[in-house]
PDB file of N, CA and C in Angstrom:
ATOM      1  N   UNK A   1     -19.153 -11.376  -1.766  1.00  0.00           N
ATOM      2  CA  UNK A   1     -18.100 -11.906  -0.918  1.00  0.00           C
ATOM      3  C   UNK A   1     -17.492 -13.177  -1.514  1.00  0.00           C
ATOM      4  N   UNK A   2     -18.334 -13.989  -2.136  1.00  0.00           N
ATOM      5  CA  UNK A   2     -17.834 -15.213  -2.762  1.00  0.00           C
ATOM      6  C   UNK A   2     -16.856 -14.879  -3.889  1.00  0.00           C
ATOM      7  N   UNK A   3     -17.161 -13.809  -4.624  1.00  0.00           N
ATOM      8  CA  UNK A   3     -16.274 -13.376  -5.712  1.00  0.00           C
ATOM      9  C   UNK A   3     -14.905 -12.972  -5.155  1.00  0.00           C
ATOM     10  N   UNK A   4     -14.921 -12.285  -4.024  1.00  0.00           N
ATOM     11  CA  UNK A   4     -13.683 -11.868  -3.379  1.00  0.00           C
ATOM     12  C   UNK A   4     -12.848 -13.082  -2.974  1.00  0.00           C
ATOM     13  N   UNK A   5     -13.494 -14.101  -2.418  1.00  0.00           N
ATOM     14  CA  UNK A   5     -12.782 -15.326  -2.023  1.00  0.00           C
ATOM     15  C   UNK A   5     -12.154 -15.996  -3.238  1.00  0.00           C
ATOM     16  N   UNK A   6     -12.891 -16.011  -4.348  1.00  0.00           N
ATOM     17  CA  UNK A   6     -12.360 -16.590  -5.589  1.00  0.00           C
ATOM     18  C   UNK A   6     -11.137 -15.822  -6.057  1.00  0.00           C
ATOM     19  N   UNK A   7     -11.232 -14.491  -5.992  1.00  0.00           N
ATOM     20  CA  UNK A   7     -10.099 -13.663  -6.403  1.00  0.00           C
ATOM     21  C   UNK A   7      -8.881 -13.918  -5.524  1.00  0.00           C
ATOM     22  N   UNK A   8      -9.109 -14.045  -4.238  1.00  0.00           N
ATOM     23  CA  UNK A   8      -8.005 -14.308  -3.311  1.00  0.00           C
ATOM     24  C   UNK A   8      -7.359 -15.656  -3.638  1.00  0.00           C
ATOM     25  N   UNK A   9      -8.173 -16.671  -3.845  1.00  0.00           N
ATOM     26  CA  UNK A   9      -7.642 -17.992  -4.169  1.00  0.00           C
ATOM     27  C   UNK A   9      -6.882 -17.981  -5.493  1.00  0.00           C
ATOM     28  N   UNK A  10      -7.440 -17.321  -6.469  1.00  0.00           N
ATOM     29  CA  UNK A  10      -6.799 -17.252  -7.786  1.00  0.00           C
ATOM     30  C   UNK A  10      -5.452 -16.529  -7.698  1.00  0.00           C
ATOM     31  N   UNK A  11      -5.452 -15.383  -7.035  1.00  0.00           N
ATOM     32  CA  UNK A  11      -4.211 -14.612  -6.903  1.00  0.00           C
ATOM     33  C   UNK A  11      -3.174 -15.354  -6.055  1.00  0.00           C
ATOM     34  N   UNK A  12      -3.626 -16.028  -5.016  1.00  0.00           N
ATOM     35  CA  UNK A  12      -2.706 -16.814  -4.182  1.00  0.00           C
ATOM     36  C   UNK A  12      -2.070 -17.928  -5.015  1.00  0.00           C
ATOM     37  N   UNK A  13      -2.854 -18.521  -5.907  1.00  0.00           N
ATOM     38  CA  UNK A  13      -2.314 -19.542  -6.802  1.00  0.00           C
ATOM     39  C   UNK A  13      -1.251 -18.971  -7.731  1.00  0.00           C
ATOM     40  N   UNK A  14      -1.521 -17.801  -8.297  1.00  0.00           N
ATOM     41  CA  UNK A  14      -0.535 -17.135  -9.155  1.00  0.00           C
ATOM     42  C   UNK A  14       0.742 -16.837  -8.362  1.00  0.00           C
ATOM     43  N   UNK A  15       0.560 -16.372  -7.149  1.00  0.00           N
ATOM     44  CA  UNK A  15       1.707 -15.996  -6.318  1.00  0.00           C
ATOM     45  C   UNK A  15       2.543 -17.215  -5.948  1.00  0.00           C
ATOM     46  N   UNK A  16       1.879 -18.333  -5.739  1.00  0.00           N
ATOM     47  CA  UNK A  16       2.599 -19.564  -5.413  1.00  0.00           C
ATOM     48  C   UNK A  16       3.514 -19.964  -6.576  1.00  0.00           C
ATOM     49  N   UNK A  17       3.030 -19.756  -7.804  1.00  0.00           N
ATOM     50  CA  UNK A  17       3.822 -20.083  -8.994  1.00  0.00           C
ATOM     51  C   UNK A  17       4.956 -19.090  -9.217  1.00  0.00           C
ATOM     52  N   UNK A  18       4.719 -17.840  -8.846  1.00  0.00           N
ATOM     53  CA  UNK A  18       5.722 -16.792  -9.056  1.00  0.00           C
ATOM     54  C   UNK A  18       5.765 -15.890  -7.824  1.00  0.00           C
ATOM     55  N   UNK A  19       6.458 -16.331  -6.771  1.00  0.00           N
ATOM     56  CA  UNK A  19       6.424 -15.616  -5.486  1.00  0.00           C
ATOM     57  C   UNK A  19       7.044 -14.216  -5.481  1.00  0.00           C
ATOM     58  N   UNK A  20       7.759 -13.869  -6.537  1.00  0.00           N
ATOM     59  CA  UNK A  20       8.388 -12.543  -6.574  1.00  0.00           C
ATOM     60  C   UNK A  20       7.658 -11.552  -7.463  1.00  0.00           C
ATOM     61  N   UNK A  21       6.437 -11.873  -7.866  1.00  0.00           N
ATOM     62  CA  UNK A  21       5.675 -10.999  -8.746  1.00  0.00           C
ATOM     63  C   UNK A  21       5.010  -9.887  -7.923  1.00  0.00           C
ATOM     64  N   UNK A  22       5.547  -8.699  -8.024  1.00  0.00           N
ATOM     65  CA  UNK A  22       5.042  -7.558  -7.254  1.00  0.00           C
ATOM     66  C   UNK A  22       3.591  -7.239  -7.573  1.00  0.00           C
ATOM     67  N   UNK A  23       3.221  -7.308  -8.855  1.00  0.00           N
ATOM     68  CA  UNK A  23       1.846  -6.993  -9.236  1.00  0.00           C
ATOM     69  C   UNK A  23       0.861  -7.939  -8.556  1.00  0.00           C
ATOM     70  N   UNK A  24       1.167  -9.232  -8.557  1.00  0.00           N
ATOM     71  CA  UNK A  24       0.270 -10.212  -7.947  1.00  0.00           C
ATOM     72  C   UNK A  24       0.188 -10.007  -6.441  1.00  0.00           C
ATOM     73  N   UNK A  25       1.319  -9.747  -5.803  1.00  0.00           N
ATOM     74  CA  UNK A  25       1.317  -9.473  -4.353  1.00  0.00           C
ATOM     75  C   UNK A  25       0.436  -8.263  -4.046  1.00  0.00           C
ATOM     76  N   UNK A  26       0.620  -7.229  -4.839  1.00  0.00           N
ATOM     77  CA  UNK A  26      -0.129  -5.989  -4.643  1.00  0.00           C
ATOM     78  C   UNK A  26      -1.634  -6.235  -4.819  1.00  0.00           C
ATOM     79  N   UNK A  27      -1.999  -6.930  -5.893  1.00  0.00           N
ATOM     80  CA  UNK A  27      -3.411  -7.223  -6.161  1.00  0.00           C
ATOM     81  C   UNK A  27      -4.006  -8.097  -5.057  1.00  0.00           C
ATOM     82  N   UNK A  28      -3.249  -9.074  -4.591  1.00  0.00           N
ATOM     83  CA  UNK A  28      -3.726  -9.947  -3.520  1.00  0.00           C
ATOM     84  C   UNK A  28      -3.914  -9.144  -2.234  1.00  0.00           C
ATOM     85  N   UNK A  29      -3.007  -8.248  -1.942  1.00  0.00           N
ATOM     86  CA  UNK A  29      -3.138  -7.403  -0.745  1.00  0.00           C
ATOM     87  C   UNK A  29      -4.415  -6.568  -0.814  1.00  0.00           C
ATOM     88  N   UNK A  30      -4.721  -6.016  -1.968  1.00  0.00           N
ATOM     89  CA  UNK A  30      -5.953  -5.230  -2.125  1.00  0.00           C
ATOM     90  C   UNK A  30      -7.189  -6.100  -1.894  1.00  0.00           C
ATOM     91  N   UNK A  31      -7.180  -7.316  -2.413  1.00  0.00           N
ATOM     92  CA  UNK A  31      -8.307  -8.232  -2.203  1.00  0.00           C
ATOM     93  C   UNK A  31      -8.434  -8.617  -0.732  1.00  0.00           C
ATOM     94  N   UNK A  32      -7.314  -8.830  -0.078  1.00  0.00           N
ATOM     95  CA  UNK A  32      -7.340  -9.180   1.347  1.00  0.00           C
ATOM     96  C   UNK A  32      -7.921  -8.039   2.179  1.00  0.00           C
ATOM     97  N   UNK A  33      -7.622  -6.812   1.794  1.00  0.00           N
ATOM     98  CA  UNK A  33      -8.194  -5.662   2.498  1.00  0.00           C
ATOM     99  C   UNK A  33      -9.716  -5.658   2.397  1.00  0.00           C
ATOM    100  N   UNK A  34     -10.229  -6.044   1.239  1.00  0.00           N
ATOM    101  CA  UNK A  34     -11.681  -6.107   1.062  1.00  0.00           C
ATOM    102  C   UNK A  34     -12.313  -7.116   2.023  1.00  0.00           C
ATOM    103  N   UNK A  35     -11.536  -8.126   2.418  1.00  0.00           N
ATOM    104  CA  UNK A  35     -12.022  -9.147   3.352  1.00  0.00           C
ATOM    105  C   UNK A  35     -11.616  -8.842   4.789  1.00  0.00           C
ATOM    106  N   UNK A  36     -11.132  -7.617   5.016  1.00  0.00           N
ATOM    107  CA  UNK A  36     -10.703  -7.180   6.346  1.00  0.00           C
ATOM    108  C   UNK A  36      -9.534  -7.995   6.899  1.00  0.00           C
ATOM    109  N   UNK A  37      -8.747  -8.574   6.016  1.00  0.00           N
ATOM    110  CA  UNK A  37      -7.544  -9.305   6.440  1.00  0.00           C
ATOM    111  C   UNK A  37      -6.361  -8.344   6.376  1.00  0.00           C
ATOM    112  N   UNK A  38      -6.400  -7.397   7.297  1.00  0.00           N
ATOM    113  CA  UNK A  38      -5.472  -6.263   7.280  1.00  0.00           C
ATOM    114  C   UNK A  38      -4.030  -6.692   7.510  1.00  0.00           C
ATOM    115  N   UNK A  39      -3.785  -7.574   8.452  1.00  0.00           N
ATOM    116  CA  UNK A  39      -2.400  -7.948   8.743  1.00  0.00           C
ATOM    117  C   UNK A  39      -1.772  -8.719   7.581  1.00  0.00           C
ATOM    118  N   UNK A  40      -2.549  -9.566   6.917  1.00  0.00           N
ATOM    119  CA  UNK A  40      -2.019 -10.277   5.738  1.00  0.00           C
ATOM    120  C   UNK A  40      -1.733  -9.296   4.615  1.00  0.00           C
ATOM    121  N   UNK A  41      -2.622  -8.337   4.426  1.00  0.00           N
ATOM    122  CA  UNK A  41      -2.413  -7.322   3.392  1.00  0.00           C
ATOM    123  C   UNK A  41      -1.154  -6.513   3.694  1.00  0.00           C
ATOM    124  N   UNK A  42      -0.973  -6.155   4.964  1.00  0.00           N
ATOM    125  CA  UNK A  42       0.215  -5.379   5.352  1.00  0.00           C
ATOM    126  C   UNK A  42       1.498  -6.132   5.017  1.00  0.00           C
ATOM    127  N   UNK A  43       1.530  -7.417   5.322  1.00  0.00           N
ATOM    128  CA  UNK A  43       2.717  -8.228   5.038  1.00  0.00           C
ATOM    129  C   UNK A  43       3.024  -8.218   3.539  1.00  0.00           C
ATOM    130  N   UNK A  44       1.986  -8.343   2.725  1.00  0.00           N
ATOM    131  CA  UNK A  44       2.198  -8.345   1.274  1.00  0.00           C
ATOM    132  C   UNK A  44       2.641  -6.980   0.756  1.00  0.00           C
ATOM    133  N   UNK A  45       1.986  -5.917   1.217  1.00  0.00           N
ATOM    134  CA  UNK A  45       2.405  -4.573   0.797  1.00  0.00           C
ATOM    135  C   UNK A  45       3.855  -4.320   1.196  1.00  0.00           C
ATOM    136  N   UNK A  46       4.216  -4.679   2.426  1.00  0.00           N
ATOM    137  CA  UNK A  46       5.593  -4.463   2.892  1.00  0.00           C
ATOM    138  C   UNK A  46       6.581  -5.295   2.087  1.00  0.00           C
ATOM    139  N   UNK A  47       6.161  -6.476   1.664  1.00  0.00           N
ATOM    140  CA  UNK A  47       7.011  -7.317   0.828  1.00  0.00           C
ATOM    141  C   UNK A  47       7.244  -6.685  -0.537  1.00  0.00           C
ATOM    142  N   UNK A  48       6.182  -6.137  -1.120  1.00  0.00           N
ATOM    143  CA  UNK A  48       6.316  -5.441  -2.408  1.00  0.00           C
ATOM    144  C   UNK A  48       7.294  -4.279  -2.250  1.00  0.00           C
ATOM    145  N   UNK A  49       7.120  -3.516  -1.195  1.00  0.00           N
ATOM    146  CA  UNK A  49       7.984  -2.359  -0.957  1.00  0.00           C
ATOM    147  C   UNK A  49       9.446  -2.765  -0.822  1.00  0.00           C
ATOM    148  N   UNK A  50       9.682  -3.842  -0.099  1.00  0.00           N
ATOM    149  CA  UNK A  50      11.055  -4.300   0.136  1.00  0.00           C
ATOM    150  C   UNK A  50      11.709  -4.781  -1.159  1.00  0.00           C
ATOM    151  N   UNK A  51      10.983  -5.561  -1.948  1.00  0.00           N
ATOM    152  CA  UNK A  51      11.593  -6.137  -3.142  1.00  0.00           C
ATOM    153  C   UNK A  51      11.556  -5.190  -4.339  1.00  0.00           C
ATOM    154  N   UNK A  52      10.633  -4.227  -4.327  1.00  0.00           N
ATOM    155  CA  UNK A  52      10.464  -3.359  -5.490  1.00  0.00           C
ATOM    156  C   UNK A  52      10.107  -1.936  -5.045  1.00  0.00           C
ATOM    157  N   UNK A  53      11.072  -1.203  -4.483  1.00  0.00           N
ATOM    158  CA  UNK A  53      10.784   0.135  -3.960  1.00  0.00           C
ATOM    159  C   UNK A  53      10.342   1.141  -5.024  1.00  0.00           C
ATOM    160  N   UNK A  54      10.456   0.795  -6.298  1.00  0.00           N
ATOM    161  CA  UNK A  54       9.990   1.671  -7.371  1.00  0.00           C
ATOM    162  C   UNK A  54       8.517   1.420  -7.714  1.00  0.00           C
ATOM    163  N   UNK A  55       7.883   0.450  -7.066  1.00  0.00           N
ATOM    164  CA  UNK A  55       6.470   0.130  -7.314  1.00  0.00           C
ATOM    165  C   UNK A  55       5.641   1.191  -6.598  1.00  0.00           C
ATOM    166  N   UNK A  56       5.413   2.277  -7.271  1.00  0.00           N
ATOM    167  CA  UNK A  56       4.927   3.513  -6.657  1.00  0.00           C
ATOM    168  C   UNK A  56       3.535   3.381  -6.022  1.00  0.00           C
ATOM    169  N   UNK A  57       2.687   2.534  -6.536  1.00  0.00           N
ATOM    170  CA  UNK A  57       1.335   2.391  -5.997  1.00  0.00           C
ATOM    171  C   UNK A  57       1.285   1.876  -4.574  1.00  0.00           C
ATOM    172  N   UNK A  58       2.311   1.160  -4.174  1.00  0.00           N
ATOM    173  CA  UNK A  58       2.305   0.557  -2.844  1.00  0.00           C
ATOM    174  C   UNK A  58       2.398   1.609  -1.738  1.00  0.00           C
ATOM    175  N   UNK A  59       3.008   2.736  -2.006  1.00  0.00           N
ATOM    176  CA  UNK A  59       3.191   3.758  -0.969  1.00  0.00           C
ATOM    177  C   UNK A  59       1.852   4.314  -0.480  1.00  0.00           C
ATOM    178  N   UNK A  60       0.959   4.583  -1.394  1.00  0.00           N
ATOM    179  CA  UNK A  60      -0.352   5.113  -1.017  1.00  0.00           C
ATOM    180  C   UNK A  60      -1.133   4.075  -0.208  1.00  0.00           C
ATOM    181  N   UNK A  61      -1.206   2.864  -0.723  1.00  0.00           N
ATOM    182  CA  UNK A  61      -2.034   1.848  -0.075  1.00  0.00           C
ATOM    183  C   UNK A  61      -1.456   1.391   1.260  1.00  0.00           C
ATOM    184  N   UNK A  62      -0.144   1.271   1.345  1.00  0.00           N
ATOM    185  CA  UNK A  62       0.459   0.915   2.626  1.00  0.00           C
ATOM    186  C   UNK A  62       0.308   2.067   3.619  1.00  0.00           C
ATOM    187  N   UNK A  63       0.435   3.290   3.136  1.00  0.00           N
ATOM    188  CA  UNK A  63       0.200   4.447   3.994  1.00  0.00           C
ATOM    189  C   UNK A  63      -1.218   4.470   4.542  1.00  0.00           C
ATOM    190  N   UNK A  64      -2.193   4.211   3.679  1.00  0.00           N
ATOM    191  CA  UNK A  64      -3.599   4.167   4.121  1.00  0.00           C
ATOM    192  C   UNK A  64      -3.819   3.038   5.131  1.00  0.00           C
ATOM    193  N   UNK A  65      -3.176   1.899   4.912  1.00  0.00           N
ATOM    194  CA  UNK A  65      -3.291   0.788   5.855  1.00  0.00           C
ATOM    195  C   UNK A  65      -2.700   1.190   7.210  1.00  0.00           C
ATOM    196  N   UNK A  66      -1.548   1.855   7.182  1.00  0.00           N
ATOM    197  CA  UNK A  66      -0.949   2.331   8.437  1.00  0.00           C
ATOM    198  C   UNK A  66      -1.876   3.328   9.135  1.00  0.00           C
ATOM    199  N   UNK A  67      -2.472   4.213   8.368  1.00  0.00           N
ATOM    200  CA  UNK A  67      -3.436   5.162   8.948  1.00  0.00           C
ATOM    201  C   UNK A  67      -4.564   4.411   9.637  1.00  0.00           C
ATOM    202  N   UNK A  68      -5.101   3.453   8.928  1.00  0.00           N
ATOM    203  CA  UNK A  68      -6.233   2.657   9.406  1.00  0.00           C
ATOM    204  C   UNK A  68      -5.919   1.949  10.719  1.00  0.00           C
ATOM    205  N   UNK A  69      -4.653   1.608  10.924  1.00  0.00           N
ATOM    206  CA  UNK A  69      -4.260   0.896  12.138  1.00  0.00           C
ATOM    207  C   UNK A  69      -3.610   1.828  13.165  1.00  0.00           C
ATOM    208  N   UNK A  70      -3.757   3.137  12.960  1.00  0.00           N
ATOM    209  CA  UNK A  70      -3.278   4.106  13.942  1.00  0.00           C
ATOM    210  C   UNK A  70      -1.797   4.397  13.904  1.00  0.00           C
ATOM    211  N   UNK A  71      -1.128   3.969  12.867  1.00  0.00           N
ATOM    212  CA  UNK A  71       0.325   4.177  12.755  1.00  0.00           C
ATOM    213  C   UNK A  71       0.578   5.399  11.858  1.00  0.00           C
ATOM    214  N   UNK A  72       0.215   6.574  12.368  1.00  0.00           N
ATOM    215  CA  UNK A  72       0.234   7.787  11.551  1.00  0.00           C
ATOM    216  C   UNK A  72       1.640   8.217  11.136  1.00  0.00           C
ATOM    217  N   UNK A  73       2.611   8.071  12.015  1.00  0.00           N
ATOM    218  CA  UNK A  73       3.971   8.465  11.646  1.00  0.00           C
ATOM    219  C   UNK A  73       4.493   7.600  10.508  1.00  0.00           C
ATOM    220  N   UNK A  74       4.177   6.307  10.557  1.00  0.00           N
ATOM    221  CA  UNK A  74       4.601   5.414   9.476  1.00  0.00           C
ATOM    222  C   UNK A  74       3.844   5.730   8.186  1.00  0.00           C
ATOM    223  N   UNK A  75       2.581   6.110   8.314  1.00  0.00           N
ATOM    224  CA  UNK A  75       1.804   6.516   7.143  1.00  0.00           C
ATOM    225  C   UNK A  75       2.448   7.740   6.502  1.00  0.00           C
ATOM    226  N   UNK A  76       2.788   8.719   7.307  1.00  0.00           N
ATOM    227  CA  UNK A  76       3.424   9.937   6.785  1.00  0.00           C
ATOM    228  C   UNK A  76       4.750   9.607   6.106  1.00  0.00           C
ATOM    229  N   UNK A  77       5.490   8.683   6.691  1.00  0.00           N
ATOM    230  CA  UNK A  77       6.760   8.265   6.101  1.00  0.00           C
ATOM    231  C   UNK A  77       6.535   7.603   4.734  1.00  0.00           C
ATOM    232  N   UNK A  78       5.508   6.770   4.630  1.00  0.00           N
ATOM    233  CA  UNK A  78       5.174   6.130   3.346  1.00  0.00           C
ATOM    234  C   UNK A  78       4.838   7.182   2.300  1.00  0.00           C
ATOM    235  N   UNK A  79       3.984   8.122   2.673  1.00  0.00           N
ATOM    236  CA  UNK A  79       3.581   9.162   1.723  1.00  0.00           C
ATOM    237  C   UNK A  79       4.779   9.992   1.282  1.00  0.00           C
ATOM    238  N   UNK A  80       5.623  10.353   2.219  1.00  0.00           N
ATOM    239  CA  UNK A  80       6.788  11.187   1.912  1.00  0.00           C
ATOM    240  C   UNK A  80       7.769  10.454   1.000  1.00  0.00           C
ATOM    241  N   UNK A  81       8.058   9.209   1.325  1.00  0.00           N
ATOM    242  CA  UNK A  81       8.962   8.415   0.492  1.00  0.00           C
ATOM    243  C   UNK A  81       8.343   8.181  -0.876  1.00  0.00           C
ATOM    244  N   UNK A  82       7.059   7.873  -0.899  1.00  0.00           N
ATOM    245  CA  UNK A  82       6.357   7.657  -2.161  1.00  0.00           C
ATOM    246  C   UNK A  82       6.374   8.893  -3.048  1.00  0.00           C
ATOM    247  N   UNK A  83       6.261  10.061  -2.420  1.00  0.00           N
ATOM    248  CA  UNK A  83       6.337  11.316  -3.186  1.00  0.00           C
ATOM    249  C   UNK A  83       7.659  11.421  -3.938  1.00  0.00           C
ATOM    250  N   UNK A  84       8.745  11.081  -3.270  1.00  0.00           N
ATOM    251  CA  UNK A  84      10.067  11.151  -3.915  1.00  0.00           C
ATOM    252  C   UNK A  84      10.143  10.190  -5.102  1.00  0.00           C
ATOM    253  N   UNK A  85       9.620   8.979  -4.904  1.00  0.00           N
ATOM    254  CA  UNK A  85       9.641   7.984  -5.984  1.00  0.00           C
ATOM    255  C   UNK A  85       8.764   8.451  -7.142  1.00  0.00           C
ATOM    256  N   UNK A  86       7.568   8.931  -6.840  1.00  0.00           N
ATOM    257  CA  UNK A  86       6.639   9.384  -7.880  1.00  0.00           C
ATOM    258  C   UNK A  86       7.202  10.586  -8.640  1.00  0.00           C
ATOM    259  N   UNK A  87       7.836  11.501  -7.922  1.00  0.00           N
ATOM    260  CA  UNK A  87       8.437  12.669  -8.584  1.00  0.00           C
ATOM    261  C   UNK A  87       9.550  12.233  -9.518  1.00  0.00           C
ATOM    262  N   UNK A  88      10.365  11.288  -9.056  1.00  0.00           N
ATOM    263  CA  UNK A  88      11.454  10.771  -9.879  1.00  0.00           C
ATOM    264  C   UNK A  88      10.921  10.112 -11.153  1.00  0.00           C
ATOM    265  N   UNK A  89       9.745   9.500 -11.056  1.00  0.00           N
ATOM    266  CA  UNK A  89       9.124   8.831 -12.199  1.00  0.00           C
ATOM    267  C   UNK A  89       8.234   9.776 -13.016  1.00  0.00           C
ATOM    268  N   UNK A  90       8.173  11.035 -12.612  1.00  0.00           N
ATOM    269  CA  UNK A  90       7.293  12.021 -13.259  1.00  0.00           C
ATOM    270  C   UNK A  90       5.839  11.556 -13.278  1.00  0.00           C
ATOM    271  N   UNK A  91       5.415  10.929 -12.195  1.00  0.00           N
ATOM    272  CA  UNK A  91       4.057  10.399 -12.068  1.00  0.00           C
ATOM    273  C   UNK A  91       3.204  11.432 -11.325  1.00  0.00           C
ATOM    274  N   UNK A  92       2.693  12.398 -12.082  1.00  0.00           N
ATOM    275  CA  UNK A  92       1.979  13.536 -11.513  1.00  0.00           C
ATOM    276  C   UNK A  92       0.751  13.118 -10.709  1.00  0.00           C
ATOM    277  N   UNK A  93      -0.013  12.193 -11.225  1.00  0.00           N
ATOM    278  CA  UNK A  93      -1.237  11.761 -10.537  1.00  0.00           C
ATOM    279  C   UNK A  93      -0.925  11.204  -9.142  1.00  0.00           C
ATOM    280  N   UNK A  94       0.104  10.370  -9.071  1.00  0.00           N
ATOM    281  CA  UNK A  94       0.478   9.787  -7.777  1.00  0.00           C
ATOM    282  C   UNK A  94       1.049  10.840  -6.846  1.00  0.00           C
ATOM    283  N   UNK A  95       1.795  11.789  -7.382  1.00  0.00           N
ATOM    284  CA  UNK A  95       2.311  12.886  -6.556  1.00  0.00           C
ATOM    285  C   UNK A  95       1.143  13.623  -5.898  1.00  0.00           C
ATOM    286  N   UNK A  96       0.119  13.915  -6.673  1.00  0.00           N
ATOM    287  CA  UNK A  96      -1.054  14.623  -6.148  1.00  0.00           C
ATOM    288  C   UNK A  96      -1.751  13.788  -5.072  1.00  0.00           C
ATOM    289  N   UNK A  97      -1.957  12.501  -5.355  1.00  0.00           N
ATOM    290  CA  UNK A  97      -2.646  11.625  -4.392  1.00  0.00           C
ATOM    291  C   UNK A  97      -1.864  11.509  -3.085  1.00  0.00           C
ATOM    292  N   UNK A  98      -0.559  11.327  -3.182  1.00  0.00           N
ATOM    293  CA  UNK A  98       0.260  11.191  -1.974  1.00  0.00           C
ATOM    294  C   UNK A  98       0.328  12.509  -1.203  1.00  0.00           C
ATOM    295  N   UNK A  99       0.423  13.613  -1.927  1.00  0.00           N
ATOM    296  CA  UNK A  99       0.419  14.926  -1.281  1.00  0.00           C
ATOM    297  C   UNK A  99      -0.884  15.158  -0.532  1.00  0.00           C
ATOM    298  N   UNK A 100      -2.001  14.830  -1.175  1.00  0.00           N
ATOM    299  CA  UNK A 100      -3.310  14.984  -0.533  1.00  0.00           C
ATOM    300  C   UNK A 100      -3.411  14.117   0.723  1.00  0.00           C
ATOM    301  N   UNK A 101      -2.965  12.869   0.619  1.00  0.00           N
ATOM    302  CA  UNK A 101      -3.023  11.956   1.761  1.00  0.00           C
ATOM    303  C   UNK A 101      -2.179  12.490   2.921  1.00  0.00           C
ATOM    304  N   UNK A 102      -1.012  13.000   2.598  1.00  0.00           N
ATOM    305  CA  UNK A 102      -0.124  13.553   3.623  1.00  0.00           C
ATOM    306  C   UNK A 102      -0.746  14.780   4.279  1.00  0.00           C
ATOM    307  N   UNK A 103      -1.334  15.648   3.481  1.00  0.00           N
ATOM    308  CA  UNK A 103      -1.970  16.855   4.022  1.00  0.00           C
ATOM    309  C   UNK A 103      -3.135  16.504   4.951  1.00  0.00           C
ATOM    310  N   UNK A 104      -3.870  15.462   4.608  1.00  0.00           N
ATOM    311  CA  UNK A 104      -5.023  15.064   5.430  1.00  0.00           C
ATOM    312  C   UNK A 104      -4.632  14.569   6.814  1.00  0.00           C
ATOM    313  N   UNK A 105      -3.456  13.953   6.931  1.00  0.00           N
ATOM    314  CA  UNK A 105      -3.077  13.434   8.260  1.00  0.00           C
ATOM    315  C   UNK A 105      -2.211  14.406   9.060  1.00  0.00           C
ATOM    316  N   UNK A 106      -1.738  15.475   8.438  1.00  0.00           N
ATOM    317  CA  UNK A 106      -0.872  16.424   9.151  1.00  0.00           C
ATOM    318  C   UNK A 106      -1.483  16.954  10.451  1.00  0.00           C
ATOM    319  N   UNK A 107      -2.764  17.336  10.466  1.00  0.00           N
ATOM    320  CA  UNK A 107      -3.323  17.819  11.749  1.00  0.00           C
ATOM    321  C   UNK A 107      -3.259  16.760  12.851  1.00  0.00           C
ATOM    322  N   UNK A 108      -3.489  15.511  12.503  1.00  0.00           N
ATOM    323  CA  UNK A 108      -3.420  14.434  13.491  1.00  0.00           C
ATOM    324  C   UNK A 108      -1.987  14.160  13.923  1.00  0.00           C
ATOM    325  N   UNK A 109      -1.050  14.299  13.012  1.00  0.00           N
ATOM    326  CA  UNK A 109       0.367  14.125  13.351  1.00  0.00           C
ATOM    327  C   UNK A 109       0.803  15.187  14.356  1.00  0.00           C
ATOM    328  N   UNK A 110       0.392  16.423  14.105  1.00  0.00           N
ATOM    329  CA  UNK A 110       0.772  17.519  14.989  1.00  0.00           C
ATOM    330  C   UNK A 110       0.187  17.331  16.396  1.00  0.00           C
ATOM    331  N   UNK A 111      -0.984  16.724  16.496  1.00  0.00           N
ATOM    332  CA  UNK A 111      -1.591  16.461  17.797  1.00  0.00           C
ATOM    333  C   UNK A 111      -0.840  15.392  18.576  1.00  0.00           C
ATOM    334  N   UNK A 112      -0.211  14.453  17.840  1.00  0.00           N
ATOM    335  CA  UNK A 112       0.482  13.339  18.491  1.00  0.00           C
ATOM    336  C   UNK A 112       1.886  13.687  18.920  1.00  0.00           C
ATOM    337  N   UNK A 113       2.392  14.851  18.542  1.00  0.00           N
ATOM    338  CA  UNK A 113       3.780  15.215  18.872  1.00  0.00           C
ATOM    339  C   UNK A 113       3.918  15.676  20.296  1.00  0.00           C
TER     340      UNK A 113
END
């Protein structure tokens, strides 16, 4: 846990120096999730998405965060949008991961309709 706190502090320092760095925001959000700081992670993931919609990794992780917080329709939207971005980038691995994530929540989506 101490290592995680160090990583958060280090990444926050990097972000303070360069607030528009998508990679640092993304990495910090992942570290915050490890510390169960879900709302802070969500803000960072959403910021990455807003400033850099081609940052394909954010779609999976933000979708999973939405799932975790019961926002299944938003999770499905993230996966679907991410699929389009990943396909455009010919990123086969991400296409598979996003497709799998979407398929896993479909039964729950159908129950909520």
